[in-house]
N, C-alpha and C. Protein backbone atom coordinates (compact mmCIF):
# COMPACT_ATOMS: atom_id res chain seq x y z
N UNK A 1 100.46 102.08 121.73
CA UNK A 1 100.93 101.23 120.66
C UNK A 1 101.44 99.93 121.28
N UNK A 2 101.05 98.77 120.71
CA UNK A 2 101.55 97.51 121.23
C UNK A 2 103.06 97.40 121.06
N UNK A 3 103.68 96.68 121.95
CA UNK A 3 105.15 96.53 121.88
C UNK A 3 105.60 95.91 120.57
N UNK A 4 104.78 95.02 119.98
CA UNK A 4 105.13 94.43 118.69
C UNK A 4 105.28 95.48 117.61
N UNK A 5 104.45 96.50 117.64
CA UNK A 5 104.57 97.58 116.66
C UNK A 5 105.69 98.53 117.03
N UNK A 6 106.02 98.58 118.30
CA UNK A 6 107.09 99.48 118.73
C UNK A 6 108.42 99.13 118.07
N UNK A 7 108.58 97.87 117.69
CA UNK A 7 109.83 97.47 117.05
C UNK A 7 110.01 98.10 115.67
N UNK A 8 108.91 98.53 115.02
CA UNK A 8 109.03 99.19 113.72
C UNK A 8 108.91 100.70 113.83
N UNK A 9 108.62 101.19 115.02
CA UNK A 9 108.53 102.64 115.25
C UNK A 9 109.92 103.20 115.51
N UNK A 10 110.13 104.42 115.12
CA UNK A 10 111.42 105.06 115.31
C UNK A 10 111.57 105.72 116.67
N UNK A 11 110.45 106.00 117.33
CA UNK A 11 110.55 106.78 118.56
C UNK A 11 109.87 106.10 119.73
N UNK A 12 108.66 106.48 120.08
CA UNK A 12 108.04 106.10 121.34
C UNK A 12 106.87 105.16 121.18
N UNK A 13 106.37 104.66 122.32
CA UNK A 13 105.18 103.82 122.33
C UNK A 13 103.91 104.65 122.24
N UNK A 14 103.97 105.92 122.56
CA UNK A 14 102.78 106.77 122.45
C UNK A 14 103.17 108.07 121.74
N UNK A 15 102.19 108.65 121.07
CA UNK A 15 102.41 109.86 120.29
C UNK A 15 101.23 110.80 120.46
N UNK A 16 101.49 112.08 120.37
CA UNK A 16 100.44 113.09 120.29
C UNK A 16 100.20 113.33 118.81
N UNK A 17 98.99 113.04 118.34
CA UNK A 17 98.68 113.22 116.92
C UNK A 17 97.46 114.13 116.77
N UNK A 18 97.29 114.64 115.57
CA UNK A 18 96.16 115.51 115.28
C UNK A 18 95.35 114.92 114.13
N UNK A 19 94.04 115.15 114.18
CA UNK A 19 93.15 114.71 113.12
C UNK A 19 91.73 114.75 113.62
N UNK A 20 90.81 115.10 112.73
CA UNK A 20 89.39 115.14 113.09
C UNK A 20 88.75 113.76 113.07
N UNK A 21 89.37 112.84 112.34
CA UNK A 21 88.89 111.47 112.26
C UNK A 21 90.04 110.52 112.58
N UNK A 22 89.72 109.26 112.76
CA UNK A 22 90.77 108.28 113.01
C UNK A 22 91.72 108.23 111.82
N UNK A 23 91.19 108.29 110.61
CA UNK A 23 92.06 108.28 109.42
C UNK A 23 93.01 109.47 109.43
N UNK A 24 92.53 110.65 109.79
CA UNK A 24 93.39 111.83 109.85
C UNK A 24 94.46 111.70 110.92
N UNK A 25 94.09 111.15 112.07
CA UNK A 25 95.06 110.95 113.14
C UNK A 25 96.12 109.93 112.72
N UNK A 26 95.70 108.88 112.03
CA UNK A 26 96.67 107.89 111.54
C UNK A 26 97.59 108.51 110.50
N UNK A 27 97.06 109.34 109.61
CA UNK A 27 97.93 110.01 108.63
C UNK A 27 99.01 110.82 109.33
N UNK A 28 98.63 111.52 110.40
CA UNK A 28 99.61 112.29 111.16
C UNK A 28 100.65 111.36 111.78
N UNK A 29 100.20 110.25 112.33
CA UNK A 29 101.12 109.27 112.92
C UNK A 29 102.07 108.73 111.85
N UNK A 30 101.54 108.38 110.67
CA UNK A 30 102.37 107.79 109.63
C UNK A 30 103.39 108.77 109.07
N UNK A 31 103.13 110.06 109.15
CA UNK A 31 104.14 111.04 108.75
C UNK A 31 105.35 110.96 109.67
N UNK A 32 105.10 110.69 110.94
CA UNK A 32 106.18 110.61 111.93
C UNK A 32 106.81 109.21 111.96
N UNK A 33 105.96 108.20 111.75
CA UNK A 33 106.38 106.81 111.86
C UNK A 33 105.93 106.05 110.61
N UNK A 34 106.55 106.28 109.46
CA UNK A 34 106.09 105.66 108.22
C UNK A 34 106.13 104.13 108.25
N UNK A 35 106.98 103.55 109.04
CA UNK A 35 107.08 102.09 109.12
C UNK A 35 105.85 101.42 109.71
N UNK A 36 105.00 102.19 110.37
CA UNK A 36 103.80 101.62 110.97
C UNK A 36 102.66 101.40 109.97
N UNK A 37 102.64 102.17 108.90
CA UNK A 37 101.51 102.13 107.95
C UNK A 37 101.19 100.70 107.51
N UNK A 38 102.18 99.96 107.03
CA UNK A 38 101.93 98.62 106.51
C UNK A 38 101.54 97.61 107.59
N UNK A 39 101.77 97.94 108.83
CA UNK A 39 101.39 97.05 109.93
C UNK A 39 99.97 97.33 110.41
N UNK A 40 99.45 98.50 110.12
CA UNK A 40 98.11 98.89 110.58
C UNK A 40 97.09 98.86 109.44
N UNK A 41 97.49 99.34 108.26
CA UNK A 41 96.58 99.40 107.11
C UNK A 41 97.03 98.43 106.03
N UNK A 42 96.05 97.91 105.27
CA UNK A 42 96.40 97.03 104.15
C UNK A 42 96.71 97.87 102.90
N UNK A 43 96.92 97.20 101.78
CA UNK A 43 97.32 97.87 100.55
C UNK A 43 96.23 98.80 100.01
N UNK A 44 94.99 98.59 100.43
CA UNK A 44 93.88 99.43 99.98
C UNK A 44 93.52 100.50 101.00
N UNK A 45 94.33 100.64 102.04
CA UNK A 45 94.11 101.68 103.03
C UNK A 45 93.08 101.34 104.09
N UNK A 46 92.72 100.07 104.21
CA UNK A 46 91.77 99.63 105.24
C UNK A 46 92.53 99.10 106.45
N UNK A 47 91.89 99.16 107.60
CA UNK A 47 92.49 98.59 108.81
C UNK A 47 92.64 97.09 108.59
N UNK A 48 93.81 96.57 108.87
CA UNK A 48 94.06 95.14 108.69
C UNK A 48 93.14 94.32 109.60
N UNK A 49 92.76 93.12 109.15
CA UNK A 49 91.82 92.30 109.93
C UNK A 49 92.31 91.95 111.34
N UNK A 50 93.60 91.82 111.53
CA UNK A 50 94.14 91.45 112.84
C UNK A 50 94.40 92.66 113.74
N UNK A 51 94.04 93.85 113.28
CA UNK A 51 94.25 95.08 114.05
C UNK A 51 92.90 95.63 114.49
N UNK A 52 92.79 96.00 115.74
CA UNK A 52 91.60 96.68 116.25
C UNK A 52 92.00 98.08 116.69
N UNK A 53 91.18 99.04 116.33
CA UNK A 53 91.41 100.44 116.68
C UNK A 53 90.32 100.90 117.63
N UNK A 54 90.72 101.66 118.63
CA UNK A 54 89.78 102.18 119.62
C UNK A 54 90.00 103.68 119.79
N UNK A 55 88.91 104.41 119.90
CA UNK A 55 88.95 105.83 120.24
C UNK A 55 88.18 105.97 121.54
N UNK A 56 88.89 106.40 122.58
CA UNK A 56 88.29 106.51 123.92
C UNK A 56 87.56 105.23 124.33
N UNK A 57 88.24 104.10 124.14
CA UNK A 57 87.77 102.76 124.55
C UNK A 57 86.64 102.18 123.70
N UNK A 58 86.20 102.90 122.67
CA UNK A 58 85.17 102.38 121.77
C UNK A 58 85.84 101.94 120.48
N UNK A 59 85.54 100.71 120.04
CA UNK A 59 86.11 100.24 118.79
C UNK A 59 85.67 101.18 117.67
N UNK A 60 86.61 101.50 116.78
CA UNK A 60 86.36 102.55 115.80
C UNK A 60 86.91 102.18 114.44
N UNK A 61 86.25 102.70 113.41
CA UNK A 61 86.73 102.61 112.04
C UNK A 61 87.39 103.90 111.63
N UNK A 62 87.87 103.94 110.42
CA UNK A 62 88.63 105.09 109.95
C UNK A 62 87.84 106.39 109.91
N UNK A 63 86.52 106.31 109.78
CA UNK A 63 85.72 107.53 109.71
C UNK A 63 85.27 108.02 111.08
N UNK A 64 85.65 107.32 112.15
CA UNK A 64 85.24 107.71 113.50
C UNK A 64 85.79 109.09 113.84
N UNK A 65 84.96 109.94 114.43
CA UNK A 65 85.46 111.25 114.85
C UNK A 65 86.43 111.13 116.01
N UNK A 66 87.39 112.04 116.04
CA UNK A 66 88.38 112.09 117.13
C UNK A 66 88.34 113.49 117.71
N UNK A 67 87.92 113.60 118.96
CA UNK A 67 87.85 114.90 119.63
C UNK A 67 89.23 115.25 120.18
N UNK A 68 89.45 116.52 120.46
CA UNK A 68 90.70 116.94 121.09
C UNK A 68 90.86 116.22 122.41
N UNK A 69 92.01 115.67 122.65
CA UNK A 69 92.30 114.98 123.90
C UNK A 69 91.86 113.52 123.92
N UNK A 70 91.32 113.01 122.82
CA UNK A 70 90.89 111.61 122.77
C UNK A 70 92.10 110.69 122.84
N UNK A 71 91.88 109.50 123.36
CA UNK A 71 92.92 108.49 123.40
C UNK A 71 92.63 107.46 122.32
N UNK A 72 93.61 107.22 121.47
CA UNK A 72 93.49 106.23 120.41
C UNK A 72 94.40 105.07 120.77
N UNK A 73 93.86 103.85 120.67
CA UNK A 73 94.65 102.67 120.94
C UNK A 73 94.67 101.77 119.71
N UNK A 74 95.82 101.16 119.46
CA UNK A 74 95.99 100.19 118.39
C UNK A 74 96.29 98.86 119.04
N UNK A 75 95.48 97.85 118.76
CA UNK A 75 95.69 96.52 119.33
C UNK A 75 95.82 95.49 118.22
N UNK A 76 96.83 94.64 118.32
CA UNK A 76 97.01 93.53 117.38
C UNK A 76 96.47 92.27 118.03
N UNK A 77 95.80 91.44 117.21
CA UNK A 77 95.32 90.15 117.71
C UNK A 77 96.53 89.29 118.03
N UNK A 78 96.38 88.48 119.05
CA UNK A 78 97.43 87.53 119.44
C UNK A 78 96.89 86.14 119.19
N UNK A 79 97.63 85.35 118.43
CA UNK A 79 97.19 83.99 118.17
C UNK A 79 98.41 83.09 118.05
N UNK A 80 98.14 81.84 117.92
CA UNK A 80 99.22 80.89 117.74
C UNK A 80 99.46 80.07 118.99
N UNK A 81 100.54 79.37 118.99
CA UNK A 81 100.86 78.51 120.13
C UNK A 81 100.39 77.09 119.89
N UNK A 82 100.52 76.31 120.91
CA UNK A 82 100.12 74.90 120.82
C UNK A 82 98.96 74.63 121.75
N UNK A 83 98.13 73.70 121.33
CA UNK A 83 97.01 73.34 122.20
C UNK A 83 97.21 72.01 122.84
């Protein structure tokens, strides 16, 4: 989990979650860390445009399968600053 999201999490930067798909794994995460939902998913339950999700280093959507022991990463786009 990016440090920016860690500020809304109640516990750790990484979690052990369960789910057969990325959506299922996120549901498990949101049960433990409800404050993360609005930062990762939009009001219609889709991954926000500035968030990228990866399962075992492959970019993934909500229907992507998640095998036991898979690593899921959440990355937020970084932008802004002066040119």
